[in-house]
Amino acid sequence: MIKLSKTLFDEAKTLGTARHDSNRAAGVPLDFNGDNDPYEMDIEGVAGEMAFAQHVNADDSEWEKIRTIKPTSALKGEDFGDCDWNGYAWDIKTTPYNSGHVLVMTSKLMSDKIDGYVLMVGSNGEYECRGCISHGRVLKGIREGRYRMKSRNTYWVMQADLMPLPSKPKPAGFDDYTKDQIAKLRKHYDR
């Protein structure tokens, strides 16, 4: 279990609220389930990113990235993930649900800036890293029909498909694989 200090969780509350307000002011639409408090979702998102950064002992520059309040767009090539670690750009997904999924928005599918997704499960400053999946594997799974759009222009990846975080730095050729999977997915959609 990864526990944030009270100071860090209080900071996550402040940053999550500011992130939510900044996104709304920039015209970014709400992305939430009807019964969930949208502020709470942004607060827990920031807290999950902090928990991941703490878990992997991320560099100070990654903490600064988490603390930066600025809307980014994957479609415009501005989204580089939430935290870089071991040479990978990770997009951190946080859910309070023990059986939760990695949710990948369709807007991120054609981006080659994010290497993979990490699932953090928990809430209120206590989280567990359930694993990761590469962006290329998500794309391949969509093309093969393993991952389907469930709601809100979002593909759901089950926890059973997650792998442990890689212990070695990103290998040569990793980015080429992702770009190849993006090209194959484009062809798949063009059929």
N, C-alpha and C. Protein backbone atom coordinates (compact mmCIF):
# COMPACT_ATOMS: atom_id res chain seq x y z
N MET A 1 0.85 -1.18 0.00
CA MET A 1 0.00 0.00 0.00
C MET A 1 0.89 1.24 0.00
N ILE A 2 0.53 2.18 -0.84
CA ILE A 2 1.26 3.44 -0.94
C ILE A 2 0.43 4.48 -0.22
N LYS A 3 0.98 5.08 0.83
CA LYS A 3 0.25 6.07 1.61
C LYS A 3 0.88 7.43 1.42
N LEU A 4 0.04 8.39 1.03
CA LEU A 4 0.50 9.77 0.95
C LEU A 4 0.41 10.39 2.34
N SER A 5 1.37 11.24 2.65
CA SER A 5 1.30 11.97 3.91
C SER A 5 0.08 12.91 3.87
N LYS A 6 -0.35 13.38 5.03
CA LYS A 6 -1.46 14.33 5.07
C LYS A 6 -1.11 15.57 4.25
N THR A 7 0.13 16.02 4.34
CA THR A 7 0.56 17.20 3.59
C THR A 7 0.42 16.97 2.09
N LEU A 8 0.87 15.80 1.60
CA LEU A 8 0.75 15.51 0.16
C LEU A 8 -0.70 15.36 -0.27
N PHE A 9 -1.52 14.69 0.55
CA PHE A 9 -2.92 14.53 0.16
C PHE A 9 -3.65 15.87 0.18
N ASP A 10 -3.33 16.73 1.14
CA ASP A 10 -3.91 18.08 1.14
C ASP A 10 -3.49 18.84 -0.11
N GLU A 11 -2.23 18.68 -0.51
CA GLU A 11 -1.76 19.32 -1.75
C GLU A 11 -2.51 18.76 -2.96
N ALA A 12 -2.76 17.45 -2.96
CA ALA A 12 -3.52 16.83 -4.06
C ALA A 12 -4.93 17.44 -4.13
N LYS A 13 -5.54 17.69 -2.99
CA LYS A 13 -6.87 18.32 -2.97
C LYS A 13 -6.82 19.70 -3.61
N THR A 14 -5.82 20.48 -3.24
CA THR A 14 -5.68 21.83 -3.79
C THR A 14 -5.42 21.77 -5.29
N LEU A 15 -4.48 20.91 -5.70
CA LEU A 15 -4.13 20.80 -7.12
C LEU A 15 -5.29 20.23 -7.94
N GLY A 16 -5.98 19.23 -7.41
CA GLY A 16 -7.10 18.63 -8.13
C GLY A 16 -8.22 19.64 -8.36
N THR A 17 -8.49 20.45 -7.35
CA THR A 17 -9.50 21.49 -7.49
C THR A 17 -9.07 22.51 -8.53
N ALA A 18 -7.81 22.93 -8.48
CA ALA A 18 -7.30 23.90 -9.45
C ALA A 18 -7.29 23.30 -10.86
N ARG A 19 -6.93 22.02 -10.98
CA ARG A 19 -6.92 21.35 -12.29
C ARG A 19 -8.34 21.31 -12.87
N HIS A 20 -9.30 20.95 -12.02
CA HIS A 20 -10.69 20.90 -12.47
C HIS A 20 -11.14 22.28 -12.98
N ASP A 21 -10.89 23.31 -12.19
CA ASP A 21 -11.32 24.67 -12.57
C ASP A 21 -10.61 25.14 -13.84
N SER A 22 -9.33 24.83 -13.97
CA SER A 22 -8.56 25.22 -15.15
C SER A 22 -9.10 24.54 -16.41
N ASN A 23 -9.40 23.26 -16.30
CA ASN A 23 -9.95 22.52 -17.45
C ASN A 23 -11.32 23.06 -17.87
N ARG A 24 -12.19 23.37 -16.90
CA ARG A 24 -13.50 23.90 -17.24
C ARG A 24 -13.36 25.27 -17.90
N ALA A 25 -12.46 26.11 -17.37
CA ALA A 25 -12.25 27.45 -17.93
C ALA A 25 -11.71 27.37 -19.36
N ALA A 26 -10.97 26.29 -19.67
CA ALA A 26 -10.41 26.12 -21.01
C ALA A 26 -11.38 25.41 -21.95
N GLY A 27 -12.58 25.09 -21.46
CA GLY A 27 -13.58 24.44 -22.31
C GLY A 27 -13.45 22.94 -22.42
N VAL A 28 -12.62 22.32 -21.57
CA VAL A 28 -12.50 20.86 -21.57
C VAL A 28 -13.77 20.28 -20.96
N PRO A 29 -14.47 19.40 -21.68
CA PRO A 29 -15.75 18.89 -21.15
C PRO A 29 -15.53 17.97 -19.95
N LEU A 30 -16.54 17.91 -19.10
CA LEU A 30 -16.50 16.99 -17.96
C LEU A 30 -16.46 15.55 -18.47
N ASP A 31 -15.71 14.73 -17.80
CA ASP A 31 -15.62 13.31 -18.13
C ASP A 31 -15.78 12.54 -16.84
N PHE A 32 -17.03 12.22 -16.50
CA PHE A 32 -17.25 11.52 -15.25
C PHE A 32 -18.55 10.74 -15.29
N ASN A 33 -18.63 9.76 -14.38
CA ASN A 33 -19.89 9.03 -14.20
C ASN A 33 -20.84 9.94 -13.43
N GLY A 34 -22.11 9.89 -13.77
CA GLY A 34 -23.09 10.82 -13.25
C GLY A 34 -23.12 11.01 -11.75
N ASP A 35 -22.90 9.97 -10.96
CA ASP A 35 -23.02 10.08 -9.51
C ASP A 35 -21.73 10.53 -8.84
N ASN A 36 -20.63 10.58 -9.58
CA ASN A 36 -19.35 10.95 -8.98
C ASN A 36 -19.17 12.45 -8.97
N ASP A 37 -18.58 12.96 -7.90
CA ASP A 37 -18.25 14.37 -7.79
C ASP A 37 -17.06 14.66 -8.71
N PRO A 38 -17.24 15.54 -9.70
CA PRO A 38 -16.14 15.79 -10.65
C PRO A 38 -14.90 16.37 -9.99
N TYR A 39 -15.06 17.15 -8.93
CA TYR A 39 -13.87 17.65 -8.20
C TYR A 39 -13.13 16.48 -7.56
N GLU A 40 -13.91 15.58 -6.96
CA GLU A 40 -13.30 14.42 -6.29
C GLU A 40 -12.50 13.58 -7.29
N MET A 41 -13.01 13.45 -8.50
CA MET A 41 -12.29 12.66 -9.52
C MET A 41 -10.95 13.31 -9.85
N ASP A 42 -10.91 14.63 -9.98
CA ASP A 42 -9.65 15.30 -10.27
C ASP A 42 -8.71 15.25 -9.07
N ILE A 43 -9.25 15.39 -7.87
CA ILE A 43 -8.43 15.28 -6.66
C ILE A 43 -7.80 13.90 -6.58
N GLU A 44 -8.62 12.85 -6.77
CA GLU A 44 -8.07 11.49 -6.69
C GLU A 44 -7.11 11.21 -7.84
N GLY A 45 -7.35 11.83 -9.00
CA GLY A 45 -6.40 11.68 -10.11
C GLY A 45 -5.03 12.22 -9.76
N VAL A 46 -4.99 13.41 -9.18
CA VAL A 46 -3.71 13.99 -8.76
C VAL A 46 -3.08 13.13 -7.67
N ALA A 47 -3.89 12.70 -6.70
CA ALA A 47 -3.37 11.87 -5.61
C ALA A 47 -2.80 10.56 -6.14
N GLY A 48 -3.46 9.95 -7.12
CA GLY A 48 -2.93 8.72 -7.73
C GLY A 48 -1.62 8.95 -8.45
N GLU A 49 -1.50 10.09 -9.13
CA GLU A 49 -0.23 10.44 -9.78
C GLU A 49 0.88 10.61 -8.75
N MET A 50 0.55 11.28 -7.64
CA MET A 50 1.54 11.46 -6.57
C MET A 50 1.94 10.12 -5.95
N ALA A 51 0.96 9.25 -5.76
CA ALA A 51 1.25 7.94 -5.18
C ALA A 51 2.18 7.15 -6.10
N PHE A 52 1.94 7.22 -7.42
CA PHE A 52 2.83 6.54 -8.36
C PHE A 52 4.23 7.14 -8.28
N ALA A 53 4.32 8.47 -8.29
CA ALA A 53 5.63 9.13 -8.22
C ALA A 53 6.36 8.74 -6.94
N GLN A 54 5.64 8.66 -5.85
CA GLN A 54 6.25 8.24 -4.59
C GLN A 54 6.69 6.79 -4.67
N HIS A 55 5.86 5.95 -5.25
CA HIS A 55 6.13 4.51 -5.37
C HIS A 55 7.42 4.23 -6.15
N VAL A 56 7.65 4.99 -7.23
CA VAL A 56 8.83 4.74 -8.07
C VAL A 56 9.98 5.69 -7.76
N ASN A 57 9.80 6.52 -6.72
CA ASN A 57 10.83 7.49 -6.35
C ASN A 57 11.19 8.38 -7.54
N ALA A 58 10.16 8.96 -8.13
CA ALA A 58 10.32 9.78 -9.34
C ALA A 58 11.18 11.01 -9.07
N ASP A 59 11.83 11.48 -10.11
CA ASP A 59 12.66 12.67 -10.04
C ASP A 59 11.82 13.89 -9.69
N ASP A 60 12.49 14.92 -9.18
CA ASP A 60 11.80 16.17 -8.84
C ASP A 60 11.08 16.77 -10.05
N SER A 61 11.65 16.61 -11.23
CA SER A 61 11.01 17.17 -12.44
C SER A 61 9.64 16.54 -12.68
N GLU A 62 9.47 15.28 -12.30
CA GLU A 62 8.18 14.61 -12.47
C GLU A 62 7.16 15.11 -11.46
N TRP A 63 7.62 15.41 -10.26
CA TRP A 63 6.72 16.00 -9.27
C TRP A 63 6.26 17.37 -9.74
N GLU A 64 7.17 18.12 -10.36
CA GLU A 64 6.78 19.43 -10.89
C GLU A 64 5.76 19.28 -12.01
N LYS A 65 5.91 18.26 -12.84
CA LYS A 65 4.94 18.01 -13.90
C LYS A 65 3.55 17.75 -13.31
N ILE A 66 3.49 16.96 -12.25
CA ILE A 66 2.22 16.66 -11.58
C ILE A 66 1.62 17.94 -11.00
N ARG A 67 2.48 18.81 -10.49
CA ARG A 67 2.01 20.05 -9.84
C ARG A 67 1.66 21.16 -10.83
N THR A 68 1.92 20.96 -12.11
CA THR A 68 1.63 21.98 -13.11
C THR A 68 0.15 21.96 -13.48
N ILE A 69 -0.47 23.11 -13.42
CA ILE A 69 -1.89 23.24 -13.75
C ILE A 69 -1.98 23.86 -15.14
N LYS A 70 -2.25 23.00 -16.14
CA LYS A 70 -2.36 23.47 -17.52
C LYS A 70 -3.07 22.38 -18.32
N PRO A 71 -4.20 22.72 -18.95
CA PRO A 71 -4.87 21.72 -19.79
C PRO A 71 -3.96 21.26 -20.93
N THR A 72 -3.97 19.97 -21.20
CA THR A 72 -3.21 19.41 -22.32
C THR A 72 -4.14 18.60 -23.20
N SER A 73 -3.79 18.48 -24.46
CA SER A 73 -4.61 17.74 -25.41
C SER A 73 -3.76 16.68 -26.11
N ALA A 74 -4.20 15.43 -26.02
CA ALA A 74 -3.52 14.36 -26.76
C ALA A 74 -3.69 14.57 -28.25
N LEU A 75 -4.87 15.04 -28.66
CA LEU A 75 -5.13 15.27 -30.09
C LEU A 75 -4.19 16.31 -30.68
N LYS A 76 -3.80 17.29 -29.88
CA LYS A 76 -2.89 18.35 -30.35
C LYS A 76 -1.42 18.01 -30.09
N GLY A 77 -1.15 16.82 -29.54
CA GLY A 77 0.22 16.41 -29.26
C GLY A 77 0.83 17.06 -28.04
N GLU A 78 -0.03 17.54 -27.11
CA GLU A 78 0.46 18.23 -25.92
C GLU A 78 0.53 17.34 -24.69
N ASP A 79 -0.07 16.17 -24.73
CA ASP A 79 -0.15 15.28 -23.57
C ASP A 79 1.00 14.29 -23.62
N PHE A 80 1.94 14.43 -22.69
CA PHE A 80 3.12 13.56 -22.63
C PHE A 80 3.04 12.61 -21.44
N GLY A 81 1.84 12.36 -20.95
CA GLY A 81 1.67 11.50 -19.79
C GLY A 81 1.80 12.28 -18.50
N ASP A 82 1.62 11.57 -17.39
CA ASP A 82 1.62 12.20 -16.08
C ASP A 82 2.95 12.10 -15.36
N CYS A 83 3.70 11.04 -15.61
CA CYS A 83 4.95 10.83 -14.88
C CYS A 83 5.88 9.95 -15.70
N ASP A 84 7.07 10.43 -15.96
CA ASP A 84 8.09 9.62 -16.65
C ASP A 84 8.85 8.81 -15.61
N TRP A 85 9.05 7.55 -15.93
CA TRP A 85 9.85 6.70 -15.05
C TRP A 85 10.45 5.58 -15.88
N ASN A 86 11.73 5.33 -15.67
CA ASN A 86 12.45 4.25 -16.34
C ASN A 86 12.45 4.43 -17.86
N GLY A 87 12.36 5.69 -18.30
CA GLY A 87 12.39 5.98 -19.73
C GLY A 87 11.02 5.96 -20.40
N TYR A 88 9.99 5.59 -19.67
CA TYR A 88 8.62 5.51 -20.21
C TYR A 88 7.81 6.73 -19.76
N ALA A 89 6.95 7.22 -20.63
CA ALA A 89 5.99 8.27 -20.28
C ALA A 89 4.68 7.59 -19.91
N TRP A 90 4.34 7.61 -18.62
CA TRP A 90 3.17 6.90 -18.11
C TRP A 90 1.98 7.83 -17.93
N ASP A 91 0.82 7.38 -18.34
CA ASP A 91 -0.44 8.05 -18.06
C ASP A 91 -1.05 7.29 -16.88
N ILE A 92 -1.22 7.98 -15.77
CA ILE A 92 -1.67 7.32 -14.54
C ILE A 92 -3.19 7.37 -14.47
N LYS A 93 -3.80 6.22 -14.28
CA LYS A 93 -5.25 6.10 -14.15
C LYS A 93 -5.56 5.69 -12.72
N THR A 94 -6.48 6.41 -12.09
CA THR A 94 -6.80 6.15 -10.68
C THR A 94 -8.29 5.85 -10.54
N THR A 95 -8.59 4.83 -9.76
CA THR A 95 -9.98 4.47 -9.49
C THR A 95 -10.11 4.05 -8.02
N PRO A 96 -11.26 4.35 -7.41
CA PRO A 96 -11.48 3.85 -6.06
C PRO A 96 -11.99 2.41 -6.04
N TYR A 97 -12.32 1.90 -7.21
CA TYR A 97 -12.95 0.58 -7.30
C TYR A 97 -11.91 -0.54 -7.36
N ASN A 98 -12.03 -1.48 -6.44
CA ASN A 98 -11.07 -2.58 -6.36
C ASN A 98 -11.01 -3.37 -7.66
N SER A 99 -12.12 -3.48 -8.36
CA SER A 99 -12.16 -4.23 -9.62
C SER A 99 -12.10 -3.28 -10.83
N GLY A 100 -11.62 -2.05 -10.62
CA GLY A 100 -11.60 -1.04 -11.67
C GLY A 100 -10.75 -1.41 -12.87
N HIS A 101 -10.93 -0.66 -13.93
CA HIS A 101 -10.24 -0.89 -15.20
C HIS A 101 -9.37 0.31 -15.57
N VAL A 102 -8.44 0.09 -16.48
CA VAL A 102 -7.74 1.21 -17.11
C VAL A 102 -8.68 1.73 -18.18
N LEU A 103 -9.03 3.01 -18.11
CA LEU A 103 -9.92 3.61 -19.08
C LEU A 103 -9.08 4.49 -20.02
N VAL A 104 -9.13 4.19 -21.32
CA VAL A 104 -8.35 4.92 -22.31
C VAL A 104 -9.31 5.65 -23.23
N MET A 105 -9.23 6.97 -23.19
CA MET A 105 -10.10 7.80 -24.04
C MET A 105 -9.67 7.65 -25.50
N THR A 106 -10.65 7.71 -26.40
CA THR A 106 -10.34 7.60 -27.83
C THR A 106 -9.42 8.72 -28.29
N SER A 107 -9.44 9.86 -27.62
CA SER A 107 -8.59 10.98 -28.01
C SER A 107 -7.10 10.66 -27.84
N LYS A 108 -6.78 9.65 -27.05
CA LYS A 108 -5.37 9.29 -26.81
C LYS A 108 -4.87 8.21 -27.76
N LEU A 109 -5.77 7.59 -28.53
CA LEU A 109 -5.38 6.42 -29.31
C LEU A 109 -4.29 6.69 -30.35
N MET A 110 -4.34 7.81 -31.02
CA MET A 110 -3.39 8.06 -32.10
C MET A 110 -2.18 8.86 -31.65
N SER A 111 -2.00 9.00 -30.35
CA SER A 111 -0.85 9.73 -29.81
C SER A 111 0.32 8.77 -29.63
N ASP A 112 1.51 9.21 -30.04
CA ASP A 112 2.71 8.40 -29.78
C ASP A 112 3.55 9.02 -28.67
N LYS A 113 2.95 9.91 -27.89
CA LYS A 113 3.67 10.59 -26.80
C LYS A 113 3.57 9.84 -25.48
N ILE A 114 2.57 8.99 -25.35
CA ILE A 114 2.36 8.23 -24.12
C ILE A 114 2.78 6.79 -24.38
N ASP A 115 3.65 6.28 -23.51
CA ASP A 115 4.16 4.92 -23.69
C ASP A 115 3.26 3.86 -23.09
N GLY A 116 2.53 4.23 -22.04
CA GLY A 116 1.69 3.23 -21.40
C GLY A 116 0.85 3.82 -20.30
N TYR A 117 0.07 2.95 -19.68
CA TYR A 117 -0.91 3.33 -18.67
C TYR A 117 -0.65 2.52 -17.40
N VAL A 118 -0.78 3.18 -16.26
CA VAL A 118 -0.61 2.55 -14.96
C VAL A 118 -1.93 2.68 -14.21
N LEU A 119 -2.37 1.61 -13.56
CA LEU A 119 -3.60 1.65 -12.78
C LEU A 119 -3.27 1.73 -11.29
N MET A 120 -3.77 2.80 -10.67
CA MET A 120 -3.67 2.98 -9.22
C MET A 120 -5.08 2.80 -8.65
N VAL A 121 -5.22 1.93 -7.65
CA VAL A 121 -6.52 1.66 -7.04
C VAL A 121 -6.47 2.13 -5.60
N GLY A 122 -7.45 2.95 -5.23
CA GLY A 122 -7.53 3.43 -3.86
C GLY A 122 -8.19 4.78 -3.80
N SER A 123 -8.12 5.39 -2.61
CA SER A 123 -8.71 6.71 -2.41
C SER A 123 -8.20 7.30 -1.10
N ASN A 124 -8.46 8.59 -0.95
CA ASN A 124 -8.16 9.29 0.30
C ASN A 124 -6.72 9.14 0.77
N GLY A 125 -5.79 9.09 -0.19
CA GLY A 125 -4.37 9.05 0.15
C GLY A 125 -3.76 7.68 0.30
N GLU A 126 -4.52 6.62 0.05
CA GLU A 126 -3.98 5.25 0.13
C GLU A 126 -4.27 4.52 -1.17
N TYR A 127 -3.19 4.05 -1.83
CA TYR A 127 -3.32 3.48 -3.18
C TYR A 127 -2.44 2.25 -3.33
N GLU A 128 -2.83 1.45 -4.30
CA GLU A 128 -2.06 0.27 -4.68
C GLU A 128 -1.82 0.34 -6.19
N CYS A 129 -0.59 0.09 -6.60
CA CYS A 129 -0.27 0.04 -8.02
C CYS A 129 -0.60 -1.36 -8.51
N ARG A 130 -1.60 -1.46 -9.40
CA ARG A 130 -2.06 -2.77 -9.87
C ARG A 130 -1.31 -3.25 -11.10
N GLY A 131 -0.54 -2.37 -11.75
CA GLY A 131 0.22 -2.80 -12.92
C GLY A 131 0.10 -1.79 -14.04
N CYS A 132 0.60 -2.21 -15.20
CA CYS A 132 0.65 -1.30 -16.35
C CYS A 132 0.39 -2.07 -17.65
N ILE A 133 0.14 -1.30 -18.68
CA ILE A 133 0.00 -1.86 -20.02
C ILE A 133 0.55 -0.83 -20.99
N SER A 134 1.28 -1.30 -21.99
CA SER A 134 1.84 -0.38 -22.97
C SER A 134 0.75 0.16 -23.89
N HIS A 135 0.98 1.34 -24.41
CA HIS A 135 0.05 1.95 -25.35
C HIS A 135 -0.10 1.05 -26.58
N GLY A 136 1.01 0.48 -27.04
CA GLY A 136 0.98 -0.42 -28.20
C GLY A 136 0.10 -1.64 -27.97
N ARG A 137 0.17 -2.22 -26.75
CA ARG A 137 -0.68 -3.38 -26.44
C ARG A 137 -2.15 -3.01 -26.40
N VAL A 138 -2.45 -1.79 -25.91
CA VAL A 138 -3.84 -1.34 -25.92
C VAL A 138 -4.33 -1.23 -27.36
N LEU A 139 -3.53 -0.61 -28.22
CA LEU A 139 -3.92 -0.44 -29.62
C LEU A 139 -4.13 -1.79 -30.31
N LYS A 140 -3.21 -2.71 -30.07
CA LYS A 140 -3.33 -4.04 -30.65
C LYS A 140 -4.60 -4.74 -30.14
N GLY A 141 -4.88 -4.59 -28.84
CA GLY A 141 -6.08 -5.20 -28.26
C GLY A 141 -7.37 -4.63 -28.83
N ILE A 142 -7.37 -3.33 -29.13
CA ILE A 142 -8.55 -2.72 -29.74
C ILE A 142 -8.74 -3.28 -31.15
N ARG A 143 -7.65 -3.32 -31.90
CA ARG A 143 -7.72 -3.80 -33.29
C ARG A 143 -8.18 -5.26 -33.34
N GLU A 144 -7.75 -6.06 -32.38
CA GLU A 144 -8.12 -7.48 -32.34
C GLU A 144 -9.48 -7.72 -31.69
N GLY A 145 -10.12 -6.65 -31.19
CA GLY A 145 -11.44 -6.79 -30.58
C GLY A 145 -11.43 -7.20 -29.12
N ARG A 146 -10.26 -7.26 -28.49
CA ARG A 146 -10.17 -7.65 -27.09
C ARG A 146 -10.68 -6.53 -26.17
N TYR A 147 -10.39 -5.27 -26.55
CA TYR A 147 -10.86 -4.13 -25.77
C TYR A 147 -11.92 -3.42 -26.58
N ARG A 148 -13.05 -3.21 -25.97
CA ARG A 148 -14.17 -2.58 -26.65
C ARG A 148 -14.54 -1.28 -25.95
N MET A 149 -15.14 -0.40 -26.73
CA MET A 149 -15.61 0.85 -26.17
C MET A 149 -16.81 0.55 -25.29
N LYS A 150 -16.72 0.97 -24.04
CA LYS A 150 -17.80 0.69 -23.09
C LYS A 150 -18.68 1.91 -22.87
N SER A 151 -18.06 3.07 -22.73
CA SER A 151 -18.85 4.27 -22.46
C SER A 151 -18.00 5.51 -22.69
N ARG A 152 -18.66 6.61 -22.92
CA ARG A 152 -18.02 7.92 -22.99
C ARG A 152 -16.78 7.96 -23.88
N ASN A 153 -16.83 7.30 -25.04
CA ASN A 153 -15.68 7.26 -25.95
C ASN A 153 -14.44 6.72 -25.25
N THR A 154 -14.63 5.68 -24.48
CA THR A 154 -13.57 5.13 -23.65
C THR A 154 -13.46 3.62 -23.84
N TYR A 155 -12.22 3.16 -24.01
CA TYR A 155 -11.95 1.72 -24.05
C TYR A 155 -11.54 1.28 -22.64
N TRP A 156 -12.03 0.11 -22.26
CA TRP A 156 -11.75 -0.43 -20.93
C TRP A 156 -10.77 -1.59 -21.05
N VAL A 157 -9.71 -1.54 -20.24
CA VAL A 157 -8.72 -2.62 -20.19
C VAL A 157 -8.82 -3.26 -18.81
N MET A 158 -9.02 -4.57 -18.79
CA MET A 158 -9.18 -5.29 -17.54
C MET A 158 -7.85 -5.41 -16.78
N GLN A 159 -7.96 -5.51 -15.47
CA GLN A 159 -6.75 -5.66 -14.64
C GLN A 159 -5.98 -6.93 -14.98
N ALA A 160 -6.67 -7.96 -15.41
CA ALA A 160 -6.00 -9.22 -15.75
C ALA A 160 -4.99 -9.04 -16.89
N ASP A 161 -5.15 -7.99 -17.69
CA ASP A 161 -4.24 -7.74 -18.80
C ASP A 161 -3.04 -6.87 -18.42
N LEU A 162 -3.01 -6.42 -17.17
CA LEU A 162 -1.90 -5.56 -16.74
C LEU A 162 -0.67 -6.40 -16.39
N MET A 163 0.48 -5.77 -16.57
CA MET A 163 1.76 -6.40 -16.26
C MET A 163 2.41 -5.64 -15.10
N PRO A 164 3.39 -6.25 -14.43
CA PRO A 164 4.15 -5.48 -13.43
C PRO A 164 4.91 -4.35 -14.12
N LEU A 165 5.23 -3.32 -13.36
CA LEU A 165 6.03 -2.23 -13.92
C LEU A 165 7.35 -2.80 -14.42
N PRO A 166 7.84 -2.32 -15.55
CA PRO A 166 9.11 -2.85 -16.09
C PRO A 166 10.28 -2.51 -15.18
N SER A 167 11.14 -3.48 -14.97
CA SER A 167 12.30 -3.26 -14.10
C SER A 167 13.49 -2.68 -14.87
N LYS A 168 13.43 -2.76 -16.19
CA LYS A 168 14.52 -2.25 -17.02
C LYS A 168 14.07 -1.03 -17.80
N PRO A 169 15.01 -0.16 -18.18
CA PRO A 169 14.65 1.02 -18.98
C PRO A 169 14.01 0.64 -20.31
N LYS A 170 13.31 1.60 -20.87
CA LYS A 170 12.61 1.40 -22.15
C LYS A 170 13.61 0.92 -23.21
N PRO A 171 13.31 -0.19 -23.87
CA PRO A 171 14.25 -0.75 -24.85
C PRO A 171 14.21 0.00 -26.18
N ALA A 172 15.29 -0.10 -26.92
CA ALA A 172 15.33 0.45 -28.28
C ALA A 172 14.24 -0.25 -29.10
N GLY A 173 13.60 0.49 -29.96
CA GLY A 173 12.55 -0.08 -30.79
C GLY A 173 11.17 -0.01 -30.18
N PHE A 174 11.06 0.34 -28.90
CA PHE A 174 9.76 0.40 -28.24
C PHE A 174 8.85 1.41 -28.94
N ASP A 175 9.38 2.60 -29.24
CA ASP A 175 8.58 3.64 -29.90
C ASP A 175 8.16 3.22 -31.30
N ASP A 176 9.02 2.47 -32.00
CA ASP A 176 8.67 1.99 -33.34
C ASP A 176 7.48 1.03 -33.28
N TYR A 177 7.45 0.19 -32.26
CA TYR A 177 6.33 -0.74 -32.09
C TYR A 177 5.02 0.04 -31.90
N THR A 178 5.06 1.07 -31.04
CA THR A 178 3.86 1.88 -30.81
C THR A 178 3.40 2.54 -32.10
N LYS A 179 4.33 3.14 -32.82
CA LYS A 179 3.98 3.81 -34.08
C LYS A 179 3.41 2.81 -35.09
N ASP A 180 3.96 1.60 -35.11
CA ASP A 180 3.45 0.55 -36.00
C ASP A 180 2.01 0.18 -35.62
N GLN A 181 1.74 0.09 -34.31
CA GLN A 181 0.38 -0.25 -33.86
C GLN A 181 -0.61 0.88 -34.17
N ILE A 182 -0.15 2.14 -34.09
CA ILE A 182 -1.01 3.27 -34.46
C ILE A 182 -1.36 3.18 -35.94
N ALA A 183 -0.36 2.89 -36.78
CA ALA A 183 -0.60 2.77 -38.23
C ALA A 183 -1.57 1.63 -38.53
N LYS A 184 -1.40 0.49 -37.86
CA LYS A 184 -2.29 -0.64 -38.07
C LYS A 184 -3.71 -0.32 -37.62
N LEU A 185 -3.86 0.41 -36.52
CA LEU A 185 -5.19 0.78 -36.05
C LEU A 185 -5.85 1.73 -37.04
N ARG A 186 -5.08 2.67 -37.58
CA ARG A 186 -5.63 3.58 -38.59
C ARG A 186 -6.15 2.79 -39.80
N LYS A 187 -5.37 1.83 -40.26
CA LYS A 187 -5.80 0.99 -41.40
C LYS A 187 -7.05 0.21 -41.03
N HIS A 188 -7.08 -0.30 -39.80
CA HIS A 188 -8.23 -1.06 -39.32
C HIS A 188 -9.51 -0.19 -39.38
N TYR A 189 -9.40 1.05 -38.93
CA TYR A 189 -10.56 1.96 -38.95
C TYR A 189 -10.92 2.39 -40.37
N ASP A 190 -9.96 2.44 -41.25
CA ASP A 190 -10.20 2.89 -42.64
C ASP A 190 -10.91 1.82 -43.48
N ARG A 191 -10.95 0.59 -43.00
CA ARG A 191 -11.60 -0.49 -43.76
C ARG A 191 -13.07 -0.27 -43.90
